[in-house]
C-alpha atoms as a PDB file:
ATOM      1  CA  MET A   1     -20.427  -4.613 -35.695  1.00  0.00           C
ATOM      2  CA  ARG A   2     -18.740  -6.699 -32.939  1.00  0.00           C
ATOM      3  CA  SER A   3     -21.346  -8.127 -30.525  1.00  0.00           C
ATOM      4  CA  GLN A   4     -20.899  -6.862 -26.825  1.00  0.00           C
ATOM      5  CA  GLN A   5     -19.344  -9.198 -24.584  1.00  0.00           C
ATOM      6  CA  PHE A   6     -19.853  -9.182 -20.736  1.00  0.00           C
ATOM      7  CA  TYR A   7     -17.363 -10.209 -18.103  1.00  0.00           C
ATOM      8  CA  PRO A   8     -17.719 -10.555 -14.381  1.00  0.00           C
ATOM      9  CA  LEU A   9     -16.097  -8.115 -12.036  1.00  0.00           C
ATOM     10  CA  TYR A  10     -13.398 -10.422 -10.868  1.00  0.00           C
ATOM     11  CA  LEU A  11     -10.978 -11.172 -13.580  1.00  0.00           C
ATOM     12  CA  TYR A  12      -8.976 -14.257 -14.013  1.00  0.00           C
ATOM     13  CA  PRO A  13      -5.531 -13.868 -15.744  1.00  0.00           C
ATOM     14  CA  MET A  14      -6.841 -15.412 -18.890  1.00  0.00           C
ATOM     15  CA  VAL A  15     -10.082 -13.355 -19.159  1.00  0.00           C
ATOM     16  CA  PHE A  16      -7.850 -10.350 -18.253  1.00  0.00           C
ATOM     17  CA  ALA A  17      -5.698 -10.966 -21.366  1.00  0.00           C
ATOM     18  CA  VAL A  18      -8.588 -11.445 -23.717  1.00  0.00           C
ATOM     19  CA  MET A  19     -10.153  -8.217 -22.487  1.00  0.00           C
ATOM     20  CA  VAL A  20      -6.986  -6.348 -23.407  1.00  0.00           C
ATOM     21  CA  VAL A  21      -6.227  -7.808 -26.752  1.00  0.00           C
ATOM     22  CA  SER A  22      -9.810  -7.591 -27.710  1.00  0.00           C
ATOM     23  CA  GLY A  23      -9.881  -3.812 -27.242  1.00  0.00           C
ATOM     24  CA  LEU A  24     -12.773  -4.160 -25.061  1.00  0.00           C
ATOM     25  CA  GLY A  25     -11.047  -2.253 -22.142  1.00  0.00           C
ATOM     26  CA  LEU A  26     -10.984  -3.231 -18.574  1.00  0.00           C
ATOM     27  CA  TYR A  27     -14.103  -1.798 -17.243  1.00  0.00           C
ATOM     28  CA  SER A  28     -16.667  -3.833 -15.954  1.00  0.00           C
ATOM     29  CA  GLY A  29     -18.674  -2.371 -12.991  1.00  0.00           C
ATOM     30  CA  SER A  30     -20.527   0.239 -15.049  1.00  0.00           C
ATOM     31  CA  VAL A  31     -21.395  -2.493 -17.689  1.00  0.00           C
ATOM     32  CA  LEU A  32     -22.702  -5.139 -15.433  1.00  0.00           C
ATOM     33  CA  GLY A  33     -24.498  -3.105 -12.956  1.00  0.00           C
ATOM     34  CA  ALA A  34     -26.124  -5.217 -10.214  1.00  0.00           C
ATOM     35  CA  GLN A  35     -24.704  -8.342 -11.385  1.00  0.00           C
ATOM     36  CA  ALA A  36     -21.171  -7.222 -10.527  1.00  0.00           C
ATOM     37  CA  LEU A  37     -22.144  -7.164  -6.873  1.00  0.00           C
ATOM     38  CA  ASP A  38     -22.934 -10.927  -6.925  1.00  0.00           C
ATOM     39  CA  ASN A  39     -19.908 -11.846  -9.208  1.00  0.00           C
ATOM     40  CA  ARG A  40     -17.391 -10.236  -6.866  1.00  0.00           C
ATOM     41  CA  LEU A  41     -18.408 -12.638  -4.155  1.00  0.00           C
ATOM     42  CA  LEU A  42     -16.795 -15.369  -6.191  1.00  0.00           C
ATOM     43  CA  ALA A  43     -13.401 -14.121  -6.578  1.00  0.00           C
ATOM     44  CA  LYS A  44     -10.818 -16.116  -4.791  1.00  0.00           C
ATOM     45  CA  ALA A  45      -7.199 -15.327  -3.227  1.00  0.00           C
ATOM     46  CA  GLY A  46      -4.887 -14.820  -6.023  1.00  0.00           C
ATOM     47  CA  ASP A  47      -7.467 -13.505  -8.537  1.00  0.00           C
ATOM     48  CA  ILE A  48      -7.105 -10.093 -10.304  1.00  0.00           C
ATOM     49  CA  ILE A  49      -9.763  -7.370 -10.080  1.00  0.00           C
ATOM     50  CA  GLN A  50     -10.106  -4.087 -11.393  1.00  0.00           C
ATOM     51  CA  VAL A  51     -11.341  -1.395  -9.007  1.00  0.00           C
ATOM     52  CA  GLN A  52     -11.902   2.338  -8.612  1.00  0.00           C
ATOM     53  CA  LEU A  53     -10.328   3.747  -5.604  1.00  0.00           C
ATOM     54  CA  ARG A  54     -13.671   5.000  -4.378  1.00  0.00           C
ATOM     55  CA  GLU A  55     -14.711   1.380  -3.953  1.00  0.00           C
ATOM     56  CA  LEU A  56     -11.988   0.650  -1.415  1.00  0.00           C
ATOM     57  CA  HIS A  57     -12.238   0.796   2.284  1.00  0.00           C
ATOM     58  CA  PRO A  58      -9.089   1.627   4.297  1.00  0.00           C
ATOM     59  CA  THR A  59      -7.962  -0.800   6.984  1.00  0.00           C
ATOM     60  CA  GLN A  60      -5.585   1.618   8.870  1.00  0.00           C
ATOM     61  CA  SER A  61      -6.222   5.124  10.288  1.00  0.00           C
ATOM     62  CA  ALA A  62      -2.811   6.755   9.757  1.00  0.00           C
ATOM     63  CA  VAL A  63      -0.264   7.166   6.853  1.00  0.00           C
ATOM     64  CA  GLY A  64       3.249   8.608   6.796  1.00  0.00           C
ATOM     65  CA  LYS A  65       2.084  12.074   4.976  1.00  0.00           C
ATOM     66  CA  LEU A  66       5.684  13.017   4.068  1.00  0.00           C
ATOM     67  CA  GLN A  67       5.936   9.852   2.013  1.00  0.00           C
ATOM     68  CA  ILE A  68       2.969  10.695   0.184  1.00  0.00           C
ATOM     69  CA  ALA A  69       4.202  14.414  -0.255  1.00  0.00           C
ATOM     70  CA  GLY A  70       7.277  12.715  -2.079  1.00  0.00           C
ATOM     71  CA  ASP A  71       5.183  10.913  -4.561  1.00  0.00           C
ATOM     72  CA  LEU A  72       3.080  13.929  -5.239  1.00  0.00           C
ATOM     73  CA  ALA A  73       6.381  15.943  -5.661  1.00  0.00           C
ATOM     74  CA  ASP A  74       7.349  13.446  -8.369  1.00  0.00           C
ATOM     75  CA  TYR A  75       4.099  13.585 -10.191  1.00  0.00           C
ATOM     76  CA  ALA A  76       4.000  17.335 -10.148  1.00  0.00           C
ATOM     77  CA  GLN A  77       7.440  17.468 -11.704  1.00  0.00           C
ATOM     78  CA  ASP A  78       7.092  14.652 -14.166  1.00  0.00           C
ATOM     79  CA  ARG A  79       3.663  13.412 -14.886  1.00  0.00           C
ATOM     80  CA  THR A  80       4.790  10.213 -16.536  1.00  0.00           C
ATOM     81  CA  SER A  81       5.970   9.267 -13.119  1.00  0.00           C
ATOM     82  CA  LEU A  82       2.355   8.833 -12.049  1.00  0.00           C
ATOM     83  CA  PHE A  83       1.721   6.181 -14.846  1.00  0.00           C
ATOM     84  CA  LYS A  84       5.010   4.400 -14.092  1.00  0.00           C
ATOM     85  CA  ASP A  85       3.828   3.849 -10.580  1.00  0.00           C
ATOM     86  CA  LEU A  86       0.284   2.831 -11.922  1.00  0.00           C
ATOM     87  CA  CYS A  87       2.188   0.175 -14.248  1.00  0.00           C
ATOM     88  CA  LYS A  88       4.348  -1.099 -11.275  1.00  0.00           C
ATOM     89  CA  VAL A  89       1.533  -1.457  -8.680  1.00  0.00           C
ATOM     90  CA  GLN A  90      -0.757  -3.377 -11.229  1.00  0.00           C
ATOM     91  CA  GLY A  91       2.011  -5.838 -11.768  1.00  0.00           C
ATOM     92  CA  ALA A  92       2.370  -4.572 -15.273  1.00  0.00           C
ATOM     93  CA  GLY A  93       5.938  -4.029 -15.487  1.00  0.00           C
ATOM     94  CA  LYS A  94       7.331  -0.565 -16.891  1.00  0.00           C
ATOM     95  CA  LEU A  95       5.504   2.217 -18.673  1.00  0.00           C
ATOM     96  CA  LEU A  96       5.838   1.772 -22.419  1.00  0.00           C
ATOM     97  CA  SER A  97       3.957   5.268 -23.419  1.00  0.00           C
ATOM     98  CA  SER A  98       1.712   7.804 -22.055  1.00  0.00           C
ATOM     99  CA  SER A  99       0.496  11.139 -23.627  1.00  0.00           C
ATOM    100  CA  GLU A 100      -1.017  14.539 -22.664  1.00  0.00           C
ATOM    101  CA  ARG A 101      -4.290  12.713 -22.832  1.00  0.00           C
ATOM    102  CA  SER A 102      -3.716   9.835 -20.571  1.00  0.00           C
ATOM    103  CA  THR A 103      -5.550   9.863 -17.224  1.00  0.00           C
ATOM    104  CA  PRO A 104      -5.452   7.427 -14.230  1.00  0.00           C
ATOM    105  CA  HIS A 105      -9.079   7.134 -14.695  1.00  0.00           C
ATOM    106  CA  ASP A 106      -8.623   5.052 -17.899  1.00  0.00           C
ATOM    107  CA  PRO A 107      -5.960   2.332 -17.950  1.00  0.00           C
ATOM    108  CA  SER A 108      -6.469   2.098 -21.723  1.00  0.00           C
ATOM    109  CA  SER A 109      -4.925   5.674 -22.156  1.00  0.00           C
ATOM    110  CA  TYR A 110      -1.371   4.498 -21.209  1.00  0.00           C
ATOM    111  CA  ARG A 111       0.572   1.388 -22.001  1.00  0.00           C
ATOM    112  CA  CYS A 112       2.610  -0.779 -19.831  1.00  0.00           C
ATOM    113  CA  SER A 113       4.966  -3.339 -20.815  1.00  0.00           C
ATOM    114  CA  LEU A 114       3.118  -6.353 -19.390  1.00  0.00           C
ATOM    115  CA  LEU A 115      -0.575  -7.154 -18.794  1.00  0.00           C
ATOM    116  CA  PRO A 116      -1.892  -6.215 -15.355  1.00  0.00           C
ATOM    117  CA  GLY A 117      -1.233  -9.210 -12.941  1.00  0.00           C
ATOM    118  CA  SER A 118       1.819 -10.422 -14.611  1.00  0.00           C
ATOM    119  CA  ASP A 119       3.865  -9.735 -11.503  1.00  0.00           C
ATOM    120  CA  LYS A 120       1.673 -10.405  -8.630  1.00  0.00           C
ATOM    121  CA  SER A 121       4.460  -9.775  -6.134  1.00  0.00           C
ATOM    122  CA  ALA A 122       4.481  -6.189  -7.079  1.00  0.00           C
ATOM    123  CA  MET A 123       0.646  -5.746  -6.459  1.00  0.00           C
ATOM    124  CA  ASN A 124      -1.367  -4.484  -3.745  1.00  0.00           C
ATOM    125  CA  THR A 125      -4.039  -6.601  -1.998  1.00  0.00           C
ATOM    126  CA  ILE A 126      -7.433  -6.382  -1.015  1.00  0.00           C
ATOM    127  CA  ASP A 127      -9.822  -8.556   1.116  1.00  0.00           C
ATOM    128  CA  ILE A 128     -13.387  -9.095   0.038  1.00  0.00           C
ATOM    129  CA  GLY A 129     -16.016  -8.565   2.950  1.00  0.00           C
ATOM    130  CA  PRO A 130     -19.703  -9.201   3.351  1.00  0.00           C
ATOM    131  CA  GLY A 131     -21.729  -7.687   0.417  1.00  0.00           C
ATOM    132  CA  GLY A 132     -18.795  -7.796  -1.938  1.00  0.00           C
ATOM    133  CA  GLU A 133     -17.109  -4.878  -0.242  1.00  0.00           C
ATOM    134  CA  PHE A 134     -13.501  -4.315  -0.906  1.00  0.00           C
ATOM    135  CA  TYR A 135     -11.053  -3.638   1.884  1.00  0.00           C
ATOM    136  CA  LEU A 136      -7.570  -2.421   0.996  1.00  0.00           C
ATOM    137  CA  THR A 137      -5.002  -4.333   3.036  1.00  0.00           C
ATOM    138  CA  ASP A 138      -1.669  -3.213   1.523  1.00  0.00           C
ATOM    139  CA  GLY A 139      -0.820   0.049  -0.551  1.00  0.00           C
ATOM    140  CA  HIS A 140      -2.631   2.773   1.444  1.00  0.00           C
ATOM    141  CA  HIS A 141       0.513   5.262   0.689  1.00  0.00           C
ATOM    142  CA  ALA A 142       0.549   4.537  -3.037  1.00  0.00           C
ATOM    143  CA  PHE A 143      -3.163   4.694  -3.518  1.00  0.00           C
ATOM    144  CA  ASN A 144      -3.555   7.887  -1.415  1.00  0.00           C
ATOM    145  CA  SER A 145      -0.927   9.329  -3.581  1.00  0.00           C
ATOM    146  CA  PHE A 146      -2.958   8.289  -6.683  1.00  0.00           C
ATOM    147  CA  TRP A 147      -6.076   9.939  -5.140  1.00  0.00           C
ATOM    148  CA  ASP A 148      -4.535  13.134  -4.269  1.00  0.00           C
ATOM    149  CA  ALA A 149      -2.534  13.404  -7.633  1.00  0.00           C
ATOM    150  CA  VAL A 150      -3.752  16.163 -10.170  1.00  0.00           C
ATOM    151  CA  GLY A 151      -6.594  14.253 -11.977  1.00  0.00           C
ATOM    152  CA  GLY A 152      -6.793  11.550  -9.487  1.00  0.00           C
ATOM    153  CA  GLY A 153      -9.668  11.176  -6.958  1.00  0.00           C
ATOM    154  CA  GLY A 154     -12.077   8.200  -6.590  1.00  0.00           C
ATOM    155  CA  GLU A 155     -12.207   7.318 -10.229  1.00  0.00           C
ATOM    156  CA  VAL A 156      -8.613   6.317 -10.517  1.00  0.00           C
ATOM    157  CA  THR A 157      -9.027   2.758 -11.965  1.00  0.00           C
ATOM    158  CA  LEU A 158      -6.428  -0.068 -11.688  1.00  0.00           C
ATOM    159  CA  ALA A 159      -5.866  -3.667 -10.911  1.00  0.00           C
ATOM    160  CA  VAL A 160      -5.562  -5.294  -7.496  1.00  0.00           C
ATOM    161  CA  LEU A 161      -4.823  -8.702  -6.083  1.00  0.00           C
ATOM    162  CA  VAL A 162      -7.388 -10.608  -3.929  1.00  0.00           C
ATOM    163  CA  GLY A 163      -5.893 -11.534  -0.742  1.00  0.00           C
ATOM    164  CA  GLU A 164      -8.605 -13.100   1.068  1.00  0.00           C
ATOM    165  CA  ASN A 165     -12.284 -13.649   0.173  1.00  0.00           C
ATOM    166  CA  LEU A 166     -14.004 -13.391   3.478  1.00  0.00           C
ATOM    167  CA  THR A 167     -17.711 -13.259   2.429  1.00  0.00           C
ATOM    168  CA  HIS A 168     -18.277 -16.871   3.859  1.00  0.00           C
ATOM    169  CA  ASP A 169     -16.709 -19.168   6.439  1.00  0.00           C
ATOM    170  CA  ALA A 170     -15.193 -22.354   5.760  1.00  0.00           C
ATOM    171  CA  GLU A 171     -18.597 -24.131   5.669  1.00  0.00           C
ATOM    172  CA  GLY A 172     -20.030 -21.692   3.223  1.00  0.00           C
ATOM    173  CA  ASN A 173     -22.107 -19.685   5.601  1.00  0.00           C
ATOM    174  CA  PRO A 174     -22.160 -15.906   5.098  1.00  0.00           C
ATOM    175  CA  LEU A 175     -20.245 -14.131   7.521  1.00  0.00           C
ATOM    176  CA  SER A 176     -21.979 -11.247   9.522  1.00  0.00           C
ATOM    177  CA  HIS A 177     -19.933  -7.964   9.601  1.00  0.00           C
ATOM    178  CA  GLN A 178     -18.910  -8.624  13.206  1.00  0.00           C
ATOM    179  CA  GLN A 179     -17.563 -12.138  12.247  1.00  0.00           C
ATOM    180  CA  PHE A 180     -15.774 -10.484   9.325  1.00  0.00           C
ATOM    181  CA  GLU A 181     -14.238  -7.649  11.595  1.00  0.00           C
ATOM    182  CA  GLN A 182     -13.157 -10.531  14.002  1.00  0.00           C
ATOM    183  CA  LYS A 183     -11.506 -12.480  11.076  1.00  0.00           C
ATOM    184  CA  MET A 184      -9.849  -9.370   9.849  1.00  0.00           C
ATOM    185  CA  ALA A 185      -8.316  -8.830  13.318  1.00  0.00           C
ATOM    186  CA  GLN A 186      -7.204 -12.315  13.700  1.00  0.00           C
ATOM    187  CA  LEU A 187      -5.479 -12.241  10.298  1.00  0.00           C
ATOM    188  CA  LYS A 188      -3.896  -8.837  11.302  1.00  0.00           C
ATOM    189  CA  HIS A 189      -5.290  -7.430   8.185  1.00  0.00           C
ATOM    190  CA  PHE A 190      -6.695  -4.409  10.003  1.00  0.00           C
ATOM    191  CA  LEU A 191      -4.434  -2.067  12.102  1.00  0.00           C
ATOM    192  CA  PRO A 192      -6.176  -1.576  15.417  1.00  0.00           C
ATOM    193  CA  ILE A 193      -4.076   1.569  16.534  1.00  0.00           C
ATOM    194  CA  ASP A 194      -4.176   5.073  15.492  1.00  0.00           C
ATOM    195  CA  ALA A 195      -1.276   7.580  14.803  1.00  0.00           C
ATOM    196  CA  ALA A 196      -0.596   7.970  18.628  1.00  0.00           C
ATOM    197  CA  GLY A 197      -0.567   4.279  19.209  1.00  0.00           C
ATOM    198  CA  LYS A 198      -4.000   4.201  20.814  1.00  0.00           C
ATOM    199  CA  ALA A 199      -6.479   1.394  20.371  1.00  0.00           C
ATOM    200  CA  ILE A 200      -9.219   1.865  17.671  1.00  0.00           C
ATOM    201  CA  THR A 201     -12.221  -0.088  16.449  1.00  0.00           C
ATOM    202  CA  PHE A 202     -13.053  -1.225  13.060  1.00  0.00           C
ATOM    203  CA  ALA A 203     -15.631   1.524  13.042  1.00  0.00           C
ATOM    204  CA  GLN A 204     -13.201   4.232  13.699  1.00  0.00           C
ATOM    205  CA  LEU A 205     -11.425   3.773  10.302  1.00  0.00           C
ATOM    206  CA  PRO A 206     -11.598   6.124   7.494  1.00  0.00           C
ATOM    207  CA  GLN A 207     -14.640   5.762   5.181  1.00  0.00           C
ATOM    208  CA  THR A 208     -12.405   6.626   2.211  1.00  0.00           C
ATOM    209  CA  LEU A 209      -9.081   6.988   0.741  1.00  0.00           C
ATOM    210  CA  GLY A 210      -7.696  10.656   0.275  1.00  0.00           C
ATOM    211  CA  MET A 211      -4.942  11.855   2.563  1.00  0.00           C
ATOM    212  CA  ALA A 212      -7.461  14.271   4.239  1.00  0.00           C
ATOM    213  CA  ALA A 213      -9.275  11.414   5.633  1.00  0.00           C
ATOM    214  CA  PHE A 214      -6.157   9.946   7.459  1.00  0.00           C
ATOM    215  CA  GLN A 215      -4.087  10.989  10.501  1.00  0.00           C
ATOM    216  CA  ASP A 216      -0.369  11.836  10.039  1.00  0.00           C
ATOM    217  CA  ASP A 217       2.035   9.285  11.602  1.00  0.00           C
ATOM    218  CA  PRO A 218       5.583  10.719  11.428  1.00  0.00           C
ATOM    219  CA  TYR A 219       7.205   7.590  12.560  1.00  0.00           C
ATOM    220  CA  ARG A 220       5.592   5.909   9.591  1.00  0.00           C
ATOM    221  CA  SER A 221       7.179   8.349   7.254  1.00  0.00           C
ATOM    222  CA  MET A 222      10.670   7.800   8.989  1.00  0.00           C
ATOM    223  CA  LEU A 223      10.326   4.160   8.464  1.00  0.00           C
ATOM    224  CA  TYR A 224       9.734   4.632   4.660  1.00  0.00           C
ATOM    225  CA  TYR A 225      13.264   6.352   4.573  1.00  0.00           C
ATOM    226  CA  LEU A 226      14.785   3.786   6.981  1.00  0.00           C
ATOM    227  CA  ARG A 227      13.855   1.001   4.636  1.00  0.00           C
ATOM    228  CA  GLY A 228      17.195  -0.541   3.502  1.00  0.00           C
ATOM    229  CA  VAL A 229      19.123   1.764   6.202  1.00  0.00           C
ATOM    230  CA  SER A 230      18.102  -0.060   9.544  1.00  0.00           C
ATOM    231  CA  TYR A 231      15.688  -2.581   8.288  1.00  0.00           C
ATOM    232  CA  ASP A 232      14.221  -4.221   5.257  1.00  0.00           C
ATOM    233  CA  LYS A 233      11.137  -6.120   4.267  1.00  0.00           C
ATOM    234  CA  SER A 234      10.632  -9.181   6.225  1.00  0.00           C
ATOM    235  CA  ASP A 235      11.097 -11.574   3.267  1.00  0.00           C
ATOM    236  CA  LYS A 236      14.647 -10.291   2.763  1.00  0.00           C
ATOM    237  CA  ASN A 237      15.699 -11.877   6.014  1.00  0.00           C
ATOM    238  CA  LEU A 238      16.464 -15.572   6.195  1.00  0.00           C
ATOM    239  CA  ASN A 239      15.109 -17.591   9.488  1.00  0.00           C
ATOM    240  CA  PRO A 240      18.137 -19.225  10.623  1.00  0.00           C
ATOM    241  CA  ASN A 241      16.042 -22.197  11.781  1.00  0.00           C
ATOM    242  CA  THR A 242      14.579 -22.997   8.330  1.00  0.00           C
ATOM    243  CA  GLY A 243      17.003 -21.258   5.898  1.00  0.00           C
ATOM    244  CA  GLN A 244      13.837 -19.808   4.394  1.00  0.00           C
ATOM    245  CA  PRO A 245      12.820 -16.230   4.192  1.00  0.00           C
ATOM    246  CA  TYR A 246      10.659 -14.735   6.950  1.00  0.00           C
ATOM    247  CA  SER A 247       6.985 -14.475   5.847  1.00  0.00           C
ATOM    248  CA  ASP A 248       5.579 -10.939   4.821  1.00  0.00           C
ATOM    249  CA  VAL A 249       4.094  -8.893   7.647  1.00  0.00           C
ATOM    250  CA  PRO A 250       1.206  -6.484   6.955  1.00  0.00           C
ATOM    251  CA  PHE A 251       1.605  -3.035   8.498  1.00  0.00           C
ATOM    252  CA  LEU A 252       5.234  -3.887   9.233  1.00  0.00           C
ATOM    253  CA  GLU A 253       6.435  -0.268   9.347  1.00  0.00           C
ATOM    254  CA  PHE A 254       3.758   0.517  11.849  1.00  0.00           C
ATOM    255  CA  TYR A 255       4.907  -1.870  14.462  1.00  0.00           C
ATOM    256  CA  TRP A 256       8.392  -0.349  14.088  1.00  0.00           C
ATOM    257  CA  GLY A 257       6.873   2.966  14.623  1.00  0.00           C
ATOM    258  CA  GLN A 258       5.403   1.680  17.767  1.00  0.00           C
ATOM    259  CA  LEU A 259       8.791   0.809  19.206  1.00  0.00           C
ATOM    260  CA  LEU A 260      10.446   4.153  18.006  1.00  0.00           C
ATOM    261  CA  ASN A 261       7.492   5.965  19.635  1.00  0.00           C
ATOM    262  CA  GLU A 262       8.553   4.328  22.917  1.00  0.00           C
ATOM    263  CA  LYS A 263      12.248   4.998  22.513  1.00  0.00           C
ATOM    264  CA  MET A 264      12.373   8.533  20.906  1.00  0.00           C
ATOM    265  CA  ASP A 265      10.900  11.911  21.519  1.00  0.00           C
ATOM    266  CA  LEU A 266      10.300  13.585  18.169  1.00  0.00           C
ATOM    267  CA  SER A 267       9.782  17.062  19.763  1.00  0.00           C
ATOM    268  CA  ARG A 268      13.626  17.009  20.065  1.00  0.00           C
ATOM    269  CA  TYR A 269      13.854  17.443  16.198  1.00  0.00           C
ATOM    270  CA  ASP A 270      12.567  19.914  13.600  1.00  0.00           C
ATOM    271  CA  LEU A 271      11.200  17.360  11.231  1.00  0.00           C
ATOM    272  CA  ARG A 272      10.688  20.301   8.510  1.00  0.00           C
ATOM    273  CA  GLN A 273      14.422  20.686   8.137  1.00  0.00           C
ATOM    274  CA  GLN A 274      16.284  18.180   6.379  1.00  0.00           C
ATOM    275  CA  ASP A 275      19.491  18.133   8.510  1.00  0.00           C
ATOM    276  CA  ASP A 276      17.390  17.589  11.732  1.00  0.00           C
ATOM    277  CA  TYR A 277      15.384  14.888   9.837  1.00  0.00           C
ATOM    278  CA  ILE A 278      18.573  13.149   9.147  1.00  0.00           C
ATOM    279  CA  ARG A 279      19.484  13.355  12.743  1.00  0.00           C
ATOM    280  CA  ALA A 280      16.198  11.968  13.756  1.00  0.00           C
ATOM    281  CA  LEU A 281      16.792   9.006  11.140  1.00  0.00           C
ATOM    282  CA  ASN A 282      20.128   8.281  12.393  1.00  0.00           C
ATOM    283  CA  ASP A 283      19.038   8.292  16.058  1.00  0.00           C
ATOM    284  CA  ALA A 284      16.115   5.866  14.998  1.00  0.00           C
ATOM    285  CA  ALA A 285      18.536   3.592  12.949  1.00  0.00           C
ATOM    286  CA  LEU A 286      20.785   3.364  16.115  1.00  0.00           C
ATOM    287  CA  VAL A 287      17.920   2.201  18.186  1.00  0.00           C
ATOM    288  CA  MET A 288      16.689  -0.384  15.505  1.00  0.00           C
ATOM    289  CA  VAL A 289      19.999  -2.048  14.892  1.00  0.00           C
ATOM    290  CA  GLY A 290      20.979  -2.154  18.624  1.00  0.00           C
ATOM    291  CA  LEU A 291      17.953  -4.393  19.407  1.00  0.00           C
ATOM    292  CA  SER A 292      18.380  -8.097  19.950  1.00  0.00           C
ATOM    293  CA  ASP A 293      17.144 -10.210  17.076  1.00  0.00           C
ATOM    294  CA  SER A 294      14.693 -11.894  19.438  1.00  0.00           C
ATOM    295  CA  GLN A 295      13.131  -8.524  20.800  1.00  0.00           C
ATOM    296  CA  LEU A 296       9.336  -8.375  20.209  1.00  0.00           C
ATOM    297  CA  ILE A 297       8.327  -5.344  18.248  1.00  0.00           C
ATOM    298  CA  GLY A 298       5.263  -3.226  19.091  1.00  0.00           C
ATOM    299  CA  SER A 299       1.994  -5.290  19.096  1.00  0.00           C
ATOM    300  CA  SER A 300       3.157  -7.375  16.092  1.00  0.00           C
ATOM    301  CA  GLY A 301       3.893 -10.413  17.992  1.00  0.00           C
ATOM    302  CA  LYS A 302       6.904 -10.813  15.890  1.00  0.00           C
ATOM    303  CA  THR A 303      10.640 -10.429  16.565  1.00  0.00           C
ATOM    304  CA  ALA A 304      12.988  -7.753  15.341  1.00  0.00           C
ATOM    305  CA  ALA A 305      14.607 -10.460  12.997  1.00  0.00           C
ATOM    306  CA  GLU A 306      11.154 -11.296  11.494  1.00  0.00           C
ATOM    307  CA  LEU A 307      10.616  -7.549  10.971  1.00  0.00           C
ATOM    308  CA  GLY A 308      13.548  -7.250   8.833  1.00  0.00           C
ATOM    309  CA  LYS A 309      16.149  -5.646  11.244  1.00  0.00           C
ATOM    310  CA  LEU A 310      19.609  -5.094   9.893  1.00  0.00           C
ATOM    311  CA  ASN A 311      22.709  -5.749  12.025  1.00  0.00           C
ATOM    312  CA  LYS A 312      24.254  -2.542  10.994  1.00  0.00           C
ATOM    313  CA  ILE A 313      23.251   0.980   9.601  1.00  0.00           C
ATOM    314  CA  HIS A 314      23.668   1.335   5.606  1.00  0.00           C
ATOM    315  CA  GLN A 315      25.453   4.384   5.903  1.00  0.00           C
ATOM    316  CA  LYS A 316      25.871   4.945   2.289  1.00  0.00           C
ATOM    317  CA  LYS A 317      21.934   5.099   1.762  1.00  0.00           C
ATOM    318  CA  LEU A 318      21.562   7.391   4.760  1.00  0.00           C
ATOM    319  CA  LYS A 319      24.001   9.877   3.387  1.00  0.00           C
ATOM    320  CA  LYS A 320      22.195   9.822   0.068  1.00  0.00           C
ATOM    321  CA  LEU A 321      19.291  11.012   1.835  1.00  0.00           C
ATOM    322  CA  ALA A 322      21.245  13.915   3.263  1.00  0.00           C
ATOM    323  CA  GLN A 323      21.827  15.381  -0.339  1.00  0.00           C
ATOM    324  CA  HIS A 324      20.057  18.319  -1.408  1.00  0.00           C
ATOM    325  CA  ASP A 325      18.309  16.718  -4.262  1.00  0.00           C
ATOM    326  CA  SER A 326      17.206  13.441  -2.455  1.00  0.00           C
ATOM    327  CA  LYS A 327      13.840  12.126  -2.374  1.00  0.00           C
ATOM    328  CA  LEU A 328      13.632  13.260   1.226  1.00  0.00           C
ATOM    329  CA  ALA A 329      14.633  16.885   0.297  1.00  0.00           C
ATOM    330  CA  LYS A 330      12.016  16.949  -2.417  1.00  0.00           C
ATOM    331  CA  ALA A 331       9.294  15.586  -0.190  1.00  0.00           C
ATOM    332  CA  LEU A 332      10.071  18.115   2.585  1.00  0.00           C
ATOM    333  CA  ALA A 333      10.090  21.006  -0.078  1.00  0.00           C
ATOM    334  CA  TYR A 334       6.745  19.798  -1.446  1.00  0.00           C
ATOM    335  CA  GLN A 335       5.050  19.467   1.998  1.00  0.00           C
ATOM    336  CA  ALA A 336       6.151  22.951   2.936  1.00  0.00           C
ATOM    337  CA  THR A 337       4.422  24.559   0.184  1.00  0.00           C
ATOM    338  CA  HIS A 338       1.224  22.566  -0.160  1.00  0.00           C
END
């Protein structure tokens, strides 16, 4: 009989591969018990960690619930799309196989084309705070979709990428929770506004994932559909001064939402109807592409160019959203009945 092997909770790529190949699975928290709480303190930026969703603390108070409705519509129509998304966000490539017995609680119940962590650029990030607590800094929409999917919940298990380990300062002294919160704010890894744009404190963040715990920000949903229409991710725009892509900006869509909240009145639209939603998207896109590249956006401290502003509306993509079978149409239909 093979002797049982023990691994720390944080998983370096090499250890991750050994665990997969050996058939030991990727579960470590339940095996290690209290030891895991010590080991997670050692994880560093760039490491891969396996977590359950119930372990993650949100760092924003609102989401675009229509975007999540679109994911849930896909999962309801085709269960394999859930596992496709799980492979993608774990940096594990494409889904190779799943079955009726596959569950998001057990990564060994479905197969991806790559080992988790193979494509770190596709992964969502966490920061580690005092006591080894995990704080989700990217991926609130995807992870809420996994939580609210049938068979989801807090036991969904997946790999994430460590962004920062903020358990200690540069001199190795443990950070207090107050110091940790200050550091998160300094790094802009905590969004200090709610869905209405009002200031909030760290203590006012949701205590758990799950869409019911979050406010709905309609502008954030609109920005999901406007990606590629009037803006794109920051790193897809080149800084003319350096010739290099702009750096990635956490919570980018929310900063654009702050600007649109100042420029638009959504009560003029019936956002439950596809035609009116398209009209709102078109009006928002006109506002965005009409800005100067140097205009500061929301409370980001970044310019429109740094936040990925496009010079003109991508009309073809906008027209695609207007089709009766578009992802927008499916999301609206799902939201109307759930």
